N, C-alpha and C. Protein backbone atom coordinates (compact mmCIF):
# COMPACT_ATOMS: atom_id res chain seq x y z
N MET A 1 -29.78 -9.09 100.48
CA MET A 1 -31.09 -8.32 100.11
C MET A 1 -31.84 -7.71 99.56
N GLU A 2 -30.65 -6.83 98.70
CA GLU A 2 -30.67 -5.95 97.46
C GLU A 2 -31.72 -6.56 96.09
N LEU A 3 -31.30 -8.15 95.74
CA LEU A 3 -31.36 -8.85 94.79
C LEU A 3 -32.86 -9.56 95.25
N ALA A 4 -33.07 -9.59 96.72
CA ALA A 4 -34.51 -10.51 96.35
C ALA A 4 -35.92 -9.19 96.32
N ARG A 5 -35.37 -7.93 97.16
CA ARG A 5 -36.19 -6.98 97.02
C ARG A 5 -36.67 -6.58 95.49
N ASN A 6 -35.39 -6.64 94.84
CA ASN A 6 -35.49 -6.46 93.11
C ASN A 6 -36.87 -7.32 92.43
N LEU A 7 -36.54 -8.75 93.26
CA LEU A 7 -37.26 -9.51 92.31
C LEU A 7 -38.61 -9.69 93.39
N MET A 8 -38.45 -9.66 94.50
CA MET A 8 -39.95 -9.15 94.77
C MET A 8 -40.94 -7.93 93.99
N VAL A 9 -40.48 -7.19 94.13
CA VAL A 9 -41.20 -5.89 93.18
C VAL A 9 -41.20 -6.60 91.88
N ILE A 10 -40.52 -7.12 90.74
CA ILE A 10 -40.43 -7.39 89.55
C ILE A 10 -41.40 -8.69 89.56
N LEU A 11 -41.55 -9.67 90.59
CA LEU A 11 -42.98 -10.35 90.63
C LEU A 11 -44.41 -9.99 91.10
N PHE A 12 -44.10 -9.35 92.05
CA PHE A 12 -45.90 -8.51 92.08
C PHE A 12 -45.94 -7.50 90.41
N THR A 13 -45.07 -6.80 90.68
CA THR A 13 -45.31 -5.81 89.51
C THR A 13 -46.17 -6.32 88.35
N GLY A 14 -44.82 -7.69 87.62
CA GLY A 14 -45.22 -8.91 86.55
C GLY A 14 -46.80 -9.13 86.62
N ILE A 15 -47.04 -9.40 87.96
CA ILE A 15 -48.45 -10.06 87.96
C ILE A 15 -49.74 -8.92 87.78
N LEU A 16 -49.63 -7.95 88.96
CA LEU A 16 -50.52 -7.50 89.20
C LEU A 16 -50.45 -6.11 88.23
N THR A 17 -49.79 -5.27 88.91
CA THR A 17 -49.79 -3.58 87.81
C THR A 17 -49.11 -3.54 86.34
N GLU A 18 -48.15 -4.35 86.01
CA GLU A 18 -47.84 -4.59 84.74
C GLU A 18 -47.90 -5.53 83.85
N ASN A 19 -49.37 -5.97 84.17
CA ASN A 19 -50.02 -7.57 83.70
C ASN A 19 -49.58 -7.10 82.57
N PHE A 20 -49.75 -8.72 81.48
CA PHE A 20 -49.71 -8.03 80.07
C PHE A 20 -50.31 -7.80 79.78
N ILE A 21 -51.86 -8.61 80.07
CA ILE A 21 -52.97 -8.30 78.88
C ILE A 21 -53.41 -7.04 79.59
N LEU A 22 -53.61 -6.72 80.56
CA LEU A 22 -54.49 -5.42 80.90
C LEU A 22 -53.93 -4.37 81.23
N ASN A 23 -52.20 -4.25 81.25
CA ASN A 23 -51.44 -2.95 81.26
C ASN A 23 -50.86 -3.25 80.05
N LYS A 24 -50.43 -3.89 79.48
CA LYS A 24 -49.54 -3.62 78.05
C LYS A 24 -50.60 -4.03 77.11
N PHE A 25 -51.30 -5.03 77.10
CA PHE A 25 -52.27 -5.30 76.04
C PHE A 25 -51.78 -6.18 75.49
N TYR A 26 -50.45 -7.16 75.52
CA TYR A 26 -50.56 -8.22 74.88
C TYR A 26 -51.09 -9.33 75.53
N GLY A 27 -51.32 -10.06 74.22
CA GLY A 27 -51.91 -11.39 74.87
C GLY A 27 -53.44 -11.56 74.59
N ILE A 28 -54.01 -10.63 73.60
CA ILE A 28 -55.44 -10.02 73.70
C ILE A 28 -56.10 -11.14 73.10
N CYS A 29 -55.48 -11.86 71.68
CA CYS A 29 -56.46 -12.89 70.80
C CYS A 29 -56.48 -13.80 71.71
N PRO A 30 -55.80 -15.07 72.54
CA PRO A 30 -56.12 -15.66 73.11
C PRO A 30 -56.96 -15.26 74.50
N PHE A 31 -56.71 -14.02 75.14
CA PHE A 31 -57.34 -13.74 76.31
C PHE A 31 -58.94 -13.18 75.74
N LEU A 32 -59.17 -13.29 74.64
CA LEU A 32 -60.77 -13.09 74.25
C LEU A 32 -61.23 -14.07 73.99
N GLY A 33 -60.13 -15.52 72.77
CA GLY A 33 -61.07 -16.44 72.54
C GLY A 33 -60.89 -17.38 73.24
N VAL A 34 -60.16 -17.71 74.44
CA VAL A 34 -59.86 -18.33 74.61
C VAL A 34 -60.89 -18.56 76.23
N SER A 35 -61.06 -17.49 76.47
CA SER A 35 -61.47 -17.34 77.78
C SER A 35 -62.91 -17.30 78.53
N LYS A 36 -63.62 -18.08 77.14
CA LYS A 36 -64.93 -18.47 77.68
C LYS A 36 -65.51 -19.65 79.05
N THR A 37 -64.20 -20.31 78.60
CA THR A 37 -64.29 -21.56 79.90
C THR A 37 -63.46 -21.10 80.62
N THR A 38 -63.65 -21.78 82.33
CA THR A 38 -62.54 -21.84 82.89
C THR A 38 -61.28 -22.82 82.63
N ASP A 39 -62.00 -24.29 82.05
CA ASP A 39 -60.65 -25.29 82.09
C ASP A 39 -59.76 -24.08 80.45
N GLY A 40 -60.52 -24.12 79.84
CA GLY A 40 -59.85 -23.29 78.66
C GLY A 40 -58.94 -22.27 78.80
N ALA A 41 -58.88 -21.07 79.84
CA ALA A 41 -58.30 -20.38 80.31
C ALA A 41 -57.08 -20.56 81.19
N VAL A 42 -57.51 -22.08 82.30
CA VAL A 42 -56.53 -22.49 83.08
C VAL A 42 -55.63 -23.36 81.97
N GLY A 43 -55.68 -23.95 81.22
CA GLY A 43 -54.89 -24.71 80.02
C GLY A 43 -54.49 -23.90 79.40
N MET A 44 -54.59 -22.73 79.11
CA MET A 44 -54.37 -21.81 77.81
C MET A 44 -52.73 -20.63 79.53
N GLY A 45 -53.37 -20.72 80.18
CA GLY A 45 -52.64 -19.55 80.79
C GLY A 45 -51.10 -20.65 81.71
N ILE A 46 -51.33 -22.04 81.70
CA ILE A 46 -50.44 -22.96 82.24
C ILE A 46 -49.45 -22.93 81.15
N ALA A 47 -49.67 -23.17 79.74
CA ALA A 47 -49.07 -23.18 78.58
C ALA A 47 -48.58 -22.29 78.37
N VAL A 48 -48.87 -20.82 78.56
CA VAL A 48 -48.60 -19.59 78.16
C VAL A 48 -47.13 -19.46 79.12
N THR A 49 -47.88 -19.54 80.15
CA THR A 49 -46.40 -19.62 81.33
C THR A 49 -44.74 -20.68 81.60
N LEU A 50 -45.72 -21.94 81.02
CA LEU A 50 -44.16 -22.25 80.78
C LEU A 50 -43.48 -21.98 79.76
N VAL A 51 -44.00 -22.36 78.28
CA VAL A 51 -43.41 -21.06 77.97
C VAL A 51 -42.91 -19.80 77.74
N MET A 52 -43.59 -19.32 78.24
CA MET A 52 -42.79 -18.04 79.01
C MET A 52 -41.29 -18.13 79.82
N THR A 53 -40.96 -19.03 80.96
CA THR A 53 -40.20 -19.02 81.25
C THR A 53 -39.33 -20.02 80.64
N GLY A 54 -39.97 -20.95 80.05
CA GLY A 54 -38.32 -21.09 79.20
C GLY A 54 -38.54 -20.73 78.20
N SER A 55 -38.87 -20.27 77.45
CA SER A 55 -38.35 -19.05 76.23
C SER A 55 -36.98 -18.04 77.06
N SER A 56 -37.27 -17.80 78.40
CA SER A 56 -36.62 -16.57 78.97
C SER A 56 -35.70 -17.32 79.21
N ALA A 57 -35.57 -18.56 79.64
CA ALA A 57 -33.81 -19.46 80.00
C ALA A 57 -33.18 -19.75 79.27
N VAL A 58 -33.59 -19.37 77.83
CA VAL A 58 -33.20 -20.22 76.74
C VAL A 58 -32.33 -18.79 75.83
N THR A 59 -33.36 -17.66 76.11
CA THR A 59 -32.88 -16.74 75.10
C THR A 59 -31.73 -15.75 75.81
N TYR A 60 -32.27 -15.98 77.00
CA TYR A 60 -30.62 -14.66 77.54
C TYR A 60 -29.88 -15.14 77.42
N PRO A 61 -28.97 -16.80 77.88
CA PRO A 61 -27.66 -17.31 77.32
C PRO A 61 -27.59 -16.85 76.24
N ILE A 62 -28.77 -17.27 75.33
CA ILE A 62 -28.30 -16.52 73.48
C ILE A 62 -28.19 -15.37 73.36
N TYR A 63 -28.81 -14.62 73.69
CA TYR A 63 -28.51 -13.58 73.58
C TYR A 63 -27.01 -12.61 73.90
N HIS A 64 -26.93 -12.81 74.96
CA HIS A 64 -25.70 -12.83 75.76
C HIS A 64 -24.27 -12.94 75.29
N TYR A 65 -24.08 -14.66 74.78
CA TYR A 65 -23.55 -15.32 74.81
C TYR A 65 -23.35 -15.64 73.11
N VAL A 66 -23.73 -15.28 72.53
CA VAL A 66 -24.09 -15.63 70.95
C VAL A 66 -23.85 -13.95 69.98
N LEU A 67 -25.69 -13.85 70.30
CA LEU A 67 -25.73 -12.65 69.26
C LEU A 67 -24.98 -11.46 69.42
N GLU A 68 -24.95 -11.09 70.90
CA GLU A 68 -24.16 -10.12 71.59
C GLU A 68 -22.56 -9.99 71.33
N PRO A 69 -21.79 -11.04 71.38
CA PRO A 69 -20.62 -11.23 71.25
C PRO A 69 -20.06 -10.70 69.47
N LEU A 70 -20.91 -11.46 68.63
CA LEU A 70 -20.95 -11.32 67.37
C LEU A 70 -21.55 -10.55 67.26
N GLY A 71 -21.86 -9.51 67.67
CA GLY A 71 -22.30 -8.12 66.58
C GLY A 71 -23.73 -8.19 65.99
N ILE A 72 -24.57 -9.67 66.33
CA ILE A 72 -25.70 -9.84 65.31
C ILE A 72 -26.98 -9.52 66.09
N GLU A 73 -27.10 -8.54 67.04
CA GLU A 73 -28.08 -8.15 68.04
C GLU A 73 -29.78 -8.17 67.48
N TYR A 74 -29.27 -7.22 65.88
CA TYR A 74 -30.65 -6.95 65.80
C TYR A 74 -31.48 -8.32 64.88
N LEU A 75 -30.84 -9.50 65.04
CA LEU A 75 -31.57 -10.64 64.62
C LEU A 75 -32.39 -11.33 66.04
N LYS A 76 -32.48 -11.23 67.72
CA LYS A 76 -32.92 -11.43 68.47
C LYS A 76 -34.36 -11.66 67.91
N THR A 77 -34.88 -10.73 67.61
CA THR A 77 -36.37 -11.23 67.40
C THR A 77 -36.88 -12.35 66.52
N VAL A 78 -36.12 -12.07 65.49
CA VAL A 78 -36.23 -13.43 64.50
C VAL A 78 -35.65 -14.89 65.55
N CYS A 79 -34.15 -14.50 66.24
CA CYS A 79 -34.16 -15.44 67.15
C CYS A 79 -34.71 -16.42 68.38
N PHE A 80 -35.72 -15.37 69.04
CA PHE A 80 -36.38 -15.86 70.28
C PHE A 80 -37.82 -16.46 69.80
N ILE A 81 -38.72 -15.60 68.25
CA ILE A 81 -39.30 -16.49 67.83
C ILE A 81 -39.39 -17.93 67.31
N LEU A 82 -38.08 -18.18 66.99
CA LEU A 82 -37.44 -19.26 66.47
C LEU A 82 -37.47 -20.50 68.24
N ILE A 83 -36.71 -20.06 68.47
CA ILE A 83 -36.70 -20.56 70.38
C ILE A 83 -38.55 -20.78 70.84
N ILE A 84 -39.85 -19.82 70.77
CA ILE A 84 -40.85 -20.36 71.03
C ILE A 84 -41.45 -20.81 70.63
N ALA A 85 -41.26 -20.48 68.93
CA ALA A 85 -42.18 -22.04 68.83
C ALA A 85 -41.40 -22.99 68.97
N ALA A 86 -40.30 -23.42 68.77
CA ALA A 86 -39.77 -25.06 69.56
C ALA A 86 -40.17 -25.27 70.79
N PHE A 87 -40.94 -24.54 71.80
CA PHE A 87 -41.76 -24.83 73.27
C PHE A 87 -42.88 -24.59 72.64
N VAL A 88 -43.53 -23.47 71.86
CA VAL A 88 -45.17 -24.61 71.55
C VAL A 88 -45.16 -25.87 70.95
N GLN A 89 -44.14 -26.06 70.28
CA GLN A 89 -44.44 -27.54 69.68
C GLN A 89 -44.39 -28.20 70.47
N THR A 90 -43.19 -28.21 71.30
CA THR A 90 -43.31 -29.38 72.38
C THR A 90 -44.39 -29.10 73.06
N VAL A 91 -44.93 -27.78 73.86
CA VAL A 91 -46.15 -28.16 75.14
C VAL A 91 -47.25 -28.82 73.59
N GLU A 92 -47.10 -28.64 72.56
CA GLU A 92 -48.53 -29.05 71.90
C GLU A 92 -48.47 -30.57 71.77
N MET A 93 -47.01 -30.74 71.70
CA MET A 93 -47.16 -32.41 71.92
C MET A 93 -47.50 -33.42 72.94
N ILE A 94 -46.89 -32.73 73.75
CA ILE A 94 -46.94 -33.05 75.03
C ILE A 94 -48.77 -33.54 75.49
N LEU A 95 -49.50 -32.21 75.43
CA LEU A 95 -50.83 -31.89 75.54
C LEU A 95 -51.91 -32.72 74.49
N LYS A 96 -51.34 -32.88 73.59
CA LYS A 96 -51.92 -33.78 72.61
C LYS A 96 -52.06 -35.33 72.70
N LYS A 97 -50.63 -35.50 73.39
CA LYS A 97 -50.75 -37.58 73.96
C LYS A 97 -51.04 -37.48 75.49
N TYR A 98 -51.28 -36.34 76.47
CA TYR A 98 -51.41 -36.66 77.47
C TYR A 98 -52.54 -35.93 77.87
N VAL A 99 -52.66 -35.41 77.88
CA VAL A 99 -54.22 -34.19 77.89
C VAL A 99 -55.29 -33.66 76.48
N PRO A 100 -55.53 -34.84 75.92
CA PRO A 100 -56.29 -34.46 74.45
C PRO A 100 -57.59 -33.76 74.68
N SER A 101 -58.41 -33.94 75.56
CA SER A 101 -59.49 -32.96 76.39
C SER A 101 -58.77 -31.26 76.06
N LEU A 102 -57.69 -31.40 76.91
CA LEU A 102 -57.40 -29.81 76.73
C LEU A 102 -57.02 -29.78 75.82
N TYR A 103 -56.15 -30.15 75.23
CA TYR A 103 -55.80 -29.67 73.81
C TYR A 103 -56.85 -29.44 72.46
N LYS A 104 -57.80 -30.50 72.47
CA LYS A 104 -58.65 -30.20 71.68
C LYS A 104 -59.51 -28.52 71.96
N SER A 105 -59.71 -28.57 73.34
CA SER A 105 -60.63 -26.87 74.08
C SER A 105 -59.31 -25.63 73.53
N LEU A 106 -58.08 -25.79 73.43
CA LEU A 106 -57.44 -24.44 73.09
C LEU A 106 -57.32 -24.35 71.45
N GLY A 107 -57.73 -25.44 70.98
CA GLY A 107 -57.56 -25.79 69.67
C GLY A 107 -56.73 -24.66 68.33
N VAL A 108 -56.96 -23.69 67.81
CA VAL A 108 -55.76 -23.18 66.95
C VAL A 108 -55.36 -22.06 67.85
N TYR A 109 -55.53 -21.50 69.11
CA TYR A 109 -54.97 -20.70 70.35
C TYR A 109 -53.58 -21.65 70.35
N LEU A 110 -54.01 -22.85 70.59
CA LEU A 110 -52.38 -23.45 71.35
C LEU A 110 -51.19 -23.30 70.06
N PRO A 111 -51.29 -23.26 69.24
CA PRO A 111 -50.36 -23.25 68.44
C PRO A 111 -50.00 -21.12 67.47
N LEU A 112 -50.83 -20.83 68.15
CA LEU A 112 -51.20 -19.31 68.24
C LEU A 112 -50.08 -18.55 69.37
N ILE A 113 -49.34 -19.22 70.34
CA ILE A 113 -48.74 -18.80 71.34
C ILE A 113 -47.27 -18.56 70.90
N THR A 114 -47.01 -19.42 69.50
CA THR A 114 -45.77 -19.01 69.00
C THR A 114 -46.10 -17.17 68.28
N THR A 115 -46.62 -17.12 68.04
CA THR A 115 -46.88 -15.64 67.66
C THR A 115 -47.74 -14.41 68.80
N ASN A 116 -47.74 -15.17 70.09
CA ASN A 116 -48.18 -14.29 70.97
C ASN A 116 -47.17 -13.06 71.37
N CYS A 117 -47.95 -12.09 71.24
CA CYS A 117 -46.40 -10.65 71.30
C CYS A 117 -46.60 -10.88 73.08
N ALA A 118 -47.31 -11.29 73.55
CA ALA A 118 -46.85 -11.24 75.41
C ALA A 118 -45.76 -12.23 75.50
N VAL A 119 -45.57 -13.35 74.58
CA VAL A 119 -44.73 -14.25 75.03
C VAL A 119 -43.41 -13.61 74.45
N LEU A 120 -43.39 -13.32 73.15
CA LEU A 120 -42.18 -12.43 72.48
C LEU A 120 -41.73 -11.38 73.06
N GLY A 121 -43.41 -10.65 74.10
CA GLY A 121 -42.81 -9.27 74.60
C GLY A 121 -41.68 -9.29 75.80
N VAL A 122 -42.30 -10.59 76.56
CA VAL A 122 -41.34 -10.75 77.71
C VAL A 122 -40.04 -11.12 77.37
N THR A 123 -39.36 -11.60 76.73
CA THR A 123 -38.30 -12.19 76.03
C THR A 123 -37.93 -10.70 75.72
N ILE A 124 -38.23 -9.77 75.29
CA ILE A 124 -37.42 -8.70 74.44
C ILE A 124 -37.12 -7.61 75.47
N LEU A 125 -38.32 -7.66 76.38
CA LEU A 125 -38.41 -6.72 78.12
C LEU A 125 -37.45 -7.01 78.95
N ASN A 126 -36.61 -8.11 78.66
CA ASN A 126 -36.23 -8.56 79.68
C ASN A 126 -34.48 -8.45 79.36
N ILE A 127 -34.18 -8.25 77.99
CA ILE A 127 -33.30 -8.02 77.25
C ILE A 127 -33.07 -6.18 77.60
N ASP A 128 -34.10 -5.65 77.02
CA ASP A 128 -34.41 -3.66 77.29
C ASP A 128 -34.25 -2.97 78.81
N ASN A 129 -35.01 -4.03 79.54
CA ASN A 129 -34.50 -4.03 80.90
C ASN A 129 -33.22 -4.23 81.66
N GLU A 130 -32.22 -4.77 81.00
CA GLU A 130 -31.10 -5.12 80.94
C GLU A 130 -31.56 -6.27 82.29
N PHE A 131 -32.44 -7.05 82.77
CA PHE A 131 -32.08 -7.82 84.07
C PHE A 131 -31.20 -8.84 83.64
N GLY A 132 -30.55 -9.66 85.10
CA GLY A 132 -29.53 -10.27 84.87
C GLY A 132 -30.10 -11.76 84.51
N PHE A 133 -29.81 -13.22 84.23
CA PHE A 133 -30.75 -14.28 84.27
C PHE A 133 -31.80 -14.89 85.07
N VAL A 134 -31.72 -14.45 86.78
CA VAL A 134 -32.61 -15.05 87.56
C VAL A 134 -33.39 -13.84 87.40
N GLU A 135 -33.33 -12.65 87.15
CA GLU A 135 -34.59 -11.63 87.09
C GLU A 135 -35.44 -11.52 85.89
N SER A 136 -34.64 -11.82 84.88
CA SER A 136 -35.36 -12.15 83.53
C SER A 136 -36.80 -14.00 83.95
N ILE A 137 -35.73 -14.80 84.19
CA ILE A 137 -37.01 -15.81 84.65
C ILE A 137 -37.87 -15.58 85.90
N VAL A 138 -37.94 -14.36 86.70
CA VAL A 138 -38.87 -14.26 87.59
C VAL A 138 -39.77 -13.20 86.87
N ASN A 139 -39.49 -12.34 85.71
CA ASN A 139 -40.00 -11.33 85.07
C ASN A 139 -41.22 -11.89 84.70
N ALA A 140 -40.60 -13.26 83.55
CA ALA A 140 -41.09 -14.48 82.71
C ALA A 140 -42.38 -15.26 83.65
N LEU A 141 -41.97 -15.71 84.32
CA LEU A 141 -42.87 -16.25 85.64
C LEU A 141 -44.03 -15.70 85.95
N ALA A 142 -43.72 -14.23 86.01
CA ALA A 142 -44.57 -13.15 86.53
C ALA A 142 -45.72 -13.06 85.52
N GLY A 143 -44.86 -12.89 85.21
CA GLY A 143 -45.61 -12.21 83.53
C GLY A 143 -46.84 -13.88 82.89
N GLY A 144 -46.31 -14.94 83.23
CA GLY A 144 -46.96 -15.78 83.12
C GLY A 144 -47.99 -16.08 84.12
N ILE A 145 -47.73 -16.01 84.91
CA ILE A 145 -48.90 -16.03 86.80
C ILE A 145 -49.82 -15.03 86.27
N GLY A 146 -49.32 -13.81 85.93
CA GLY A 146 -50.57 -12.42 86.00
C GLY A 146 -51.58 -12.76 84.72
N PHE A 147 -50.88 -13.46 83.59
CA PHE A 147 -51.57 -13.95 82.39
C PHE A 147 -52.90 -15.16 82.69
N LEU A 148 -52.13 -16.13 83.64
CA LEU A 148 -53.16 -16.95 84.24
C LEU A 148 -53.85 -16.52 84.65
N LEU A 149 -53.81 -15.48 85.88
CA LEU A 149 -54.62 -14.96 87.11
C LEU A 149 -56.13 -14.26 86.30
N VAL A 150 -55.42 -13.64 84.99
CA VAL A 150 -56.55 -12.66 84.43
C VAL A 150 -57.29 -13.41 83.39
N MET A 151 -56.97 -14.51 82.90
CA MET A 151 -57.56 -15.43 81.94
C MET A 151 -58.79 -15.90 82.81
N VAL A 152 -58.46 -16.28 84.15
CA VAL A 152 -58.96 -17.36 84.97
C VAL A 152 -59.88 -16.57 85.24
N ILE A 153 -59.69 -15.03 85.32
CA ILE A 153 -60.95 -14.23 86.45
C ILE A 153 -61.73 -13.91 85.66
N PHE A 154 -61.73 -13.62 84.17
CA PHE A 154 -62.28 -13.33 83.19
C PHE A 154 -62.95 -14.51 82.03
N SER A 155 -62.81 -15.68 82.72
CA SER A 155 -63.69 -16.65 82.65
C SER A 155 -65.00 -16.76 83.23
N GLY A 156 -64.33 -16.68 84.69
CA GLY A 156 -65.61 -16.13 85.39
C GLY A 156 -66.52 -15.25 84.99
N VAL A 157 -66.20 -14.16 84.49
CA VAL A 157 -66.84 -12.84 84.47
C VAL A 157 -67.80 -13.54 83.06
N ARG A 158 -66.86 -14.33 82.32
CA ARG A 158 -67.55 -14.19 80.76
C ARG A 158 -68.93 -15.76 81.40
N GLU A 159 -68.33 -16.73 81.94
CA GLU A 159 -69.72 -17.34 82.61
C GLU A 159 -71.05 -16.89 82.83
N ARG A 160 -70.38 -16.10 84.05
CA ARG A 160 -71.59 -15.27 85.08
C ARG A 160 -72.42 -14.32 83.70
N ILE A 161 -71.44 -13.68 82.65
CA ILE A 161 -72.48 -13.00 81.45
C ILE A 161 -73.42 -13.75 80.40
N SER A 162 -73.11 -14.96 80.81
CA SER A 162 -73.38 -15.66 79.04
C SER A 162 -75.06 -16.42 80.45
N ARG A 163 -74.55 -16.22 81.16
CA ARG A 163 -75.93 -16.23 81.66
C ARG A 163 -77.18 -15.44 82.75
N CYS A 164 -76.95 -14.18 81.94
CA CYS A 164 -77.77 -12.99 81.69
C CYS A 164 -78.40 -12.23 81.04
N ASN A 165 -79.56 -11.49 81.34
CA ASN A 165 -80.50 -11.11 80.17
C ASN A 165 -79.13 -9.60 79.66
N VAL A 166 -78.58 -9.77 78.57
CA VAL A 166 -77.79 -8.69 78.01
C VAL A 166 -78.62 -8.40 76.57
N PRO A 167 -78.83 -6.87 76.90
CA PRO A 167 -78.84 -5.70 75.63
C PRO A 167 -78.67 -6.67 74.41
N LYS A 168 -79.88 -6.60 73.44
CA LYS A 168 -79.51 -7.46 72.23
C LYS A 168 -78.26 -6.44 71.34
N ALA A 169 -78.39 -4.80 71.92
CA ALA A 169 -77.10 -4.29 71.42
C ALA A 169 -75.72 -4.89 71.41
N LEU A 170 -75.77 -5.06 72.67
CA LEU A 170 -74.31 -5.38 73.30
C LEU A 170 -73.84 -6.62 73.18
N GLU A 171 -74.96 -7.34 72.62
CA GLU A 171 -74.33 -9.38 72.72
C GLU A 171 -73.28 -9.37 72.30
N GLY A 172 -72.62 -10.14 72.07
CA GLY A 172 -71.27 -10.56 71.69
C GLY A 172 -70.02 -10.14 72.36
N THR A 173 -69.27 -9.25 71.10
CA THR A 173 -68.04 -9.10 71.45
C THR A 173 -68.04 -7.27 72.21
N PRO A 174 -69.05 -6.42 72.36
CA PRO A 174 -69.42 -5.71 72.80
C PRO A 174 -69.91 -5.52 74.16
N ILE A 175 -69.85 -6.39 74.68
CA ILE A 175 -70.17 -6.97 76.15
C ILE A 175 -68.48 -7.41 76.87
N THR A 176 -67.87 -8.34 75.71
CA THR A 176 -67.75 -9.20 76.28
C THR A 176 -65.93 -7.76 76.29
N LEU A 177 -66.00 -7.01 75.54
CA LEU A 177 -64.88 -5.79 75.90
C LEU A 177 -65.35 -5.23 76.83
N ILE A 178 -66.46 -4.95 77.26
CA ILE A 178 -66.87 -3.60 78.08
C ILE A 178 -66.28 -4.40 79.57
N ALA A 179 -66.51 -5.67 79.56
CA ALA A 179 -66.24 -6.67 81.22
C ALA A 179 -64.92 -7.15 81.19
N ALA A 180 -64.30 -6.53 79.72
CA ALA A 180 -62.16 -6.72 80.06
C ALA A 180 -62.00 -5.22 80.20
N SER A 181 -62.55 -4.05 79.56
CA SER A 181 -62.52 -3.01 80.49
C SER A 181 -62.24 -2.80 82.00
N VAL A 182 -63.64 -2.95 82.55
CA VAL A 182 -63.95 -3.19 83.69
C VAL A 182 -62.93 -4.29 84.72
N THR A 183 -62.63 -4.99 84.16
CA THR A 183 -61.71 -6.11 84.84
C THR A 183 -60.39 -5.14 84.69
N SER A 184 -60.06 -4.60 83.77
CA SER A 184 -58.84 -4.01 83.94
C SER A 184 -58.57 -2.83 84.92
N LEU A 185 -59.76 -1.88 84.80
CA LEU A 185 -59.47 -1.13 85.45
C LEU A 185 -59.96 -1.31 87.55
N SER A 186 -59.70 -2.70 87.67
CA SER A 186 -59.88 -3.51 88.78
C SER A 186 -58.68 -4.02 89.14
N PHE A 187 -57.99 -3.57 88.48
CA PHE A 187 -56.21 -4.21 88.87
C PHE A 187 -55.60 -3.02 89.03
N VAL A 188 -56.11 -1.76 88.71
CA VAL A 188 -55.20 -0.55 88.56
C VAL A 188 -55.24 -0.03 90.33
N GLY A 189 -56.18 -0.52 90.88
CA GLY A 189 -56.20 -0.51 92.87
C GLY A 189 -54.65 -1.28 93.11
N PHE A 190 -54.37 -2.10 92.58
CA PHE A 190 -52.86 -2.92 93.02
C PHE A 190 -51.78 -2.12 92.97
N SER A 191 -51.74 -0.58 92.26
CA SER A 191 -50.71 -0.01 91.77
C SER A 191 -50.25 0.32 93.34
N GLY A 192 -51.46 0.89 93.81
CA GLY A 192 -51.20 1.28 95.18
C GLY A 192 -50.48 0.48 96.35
N ILE A 193 -51.15 -0.57 96.60
CA ILE A 193 -50.50 -1.64 97.34
C ILE A 193 -49.03 -1.90 97.08
N VAL A 194 -48.69 -2.12 95.83
CA VAL A 194 -47.38 -2.49 95.37
C VAL A 194 -46.41 -1.32 95.50
N ASP A 195 -46.62 -0.10 95.74
CA ASP A 195 -45.70 0.63 95.53
C ASP A 195 -46.15 0.94 97.50
N GLY A 196 -46.89 0.95 97.72
CA GLY A 196 -47.01 0.84 99.71
C GLY A 196 -46.30 -0.17 100.30
N ILE A 197 -46.06 -1.17 99.78
CA ILE A 197 -45.02 -2.25 100.05
C ILE A 197 -43.90 -2.35 99.92
N PHE A 198 -43.52 -1.90 98.38
CA PHE A 198 -42.05 -1.47 98.31
C PHE A 198 -41.46 -0.11 98.13
N GLY A 199 -42.11 0.60 98.36
CA GLY A 199 -41.80 2.07 98.62
C GLY A 199 -41.22 2.58 97.07
N GLY A 200 -42.52 2.46 95.99
CA GLY A 200 -42.84 3.36 94.80
C GLY A 200 -41.79 3.18 94.02
């Protein structure tokens, strides 16, 4: 029961209160670059979720059964980036072959998942928080779902803004950043709900 409760806490906090984009400010580059359309946002969100989850599943045993026993834990960042790069290349090849329209819409942001700090961040946070294997997978999945959720919500906000009369001084990046901050504030309310359900 305790494990199930911990997994639920990790899941809900990862999606809502500890969201990588809105709380930790990881992955801002694709957040601002690919959220112009809902299709692009969904595609990027799914790709990031797959890479996050897959990378966490591979990095956990490599860290605990290879790097740690050999006393070379300091190489985890380099090692994790190589693993993430391999996953990104796989996702890129799959999209290019089976979903070429999405592959084109994601453009340069797809290979940039390799250096997306949200993806690298979740693998390192799993180690720093001393999560077990299952907890690491749930944390990565929650981070990816949270990433996807925020991308889709913000794409809707940006599409709405594009149809509005924005003052000249706020056009482009300024109104985008203002909208992002308001979206971020809207997620603050979830902290009370999660604390209420799981008792803080």
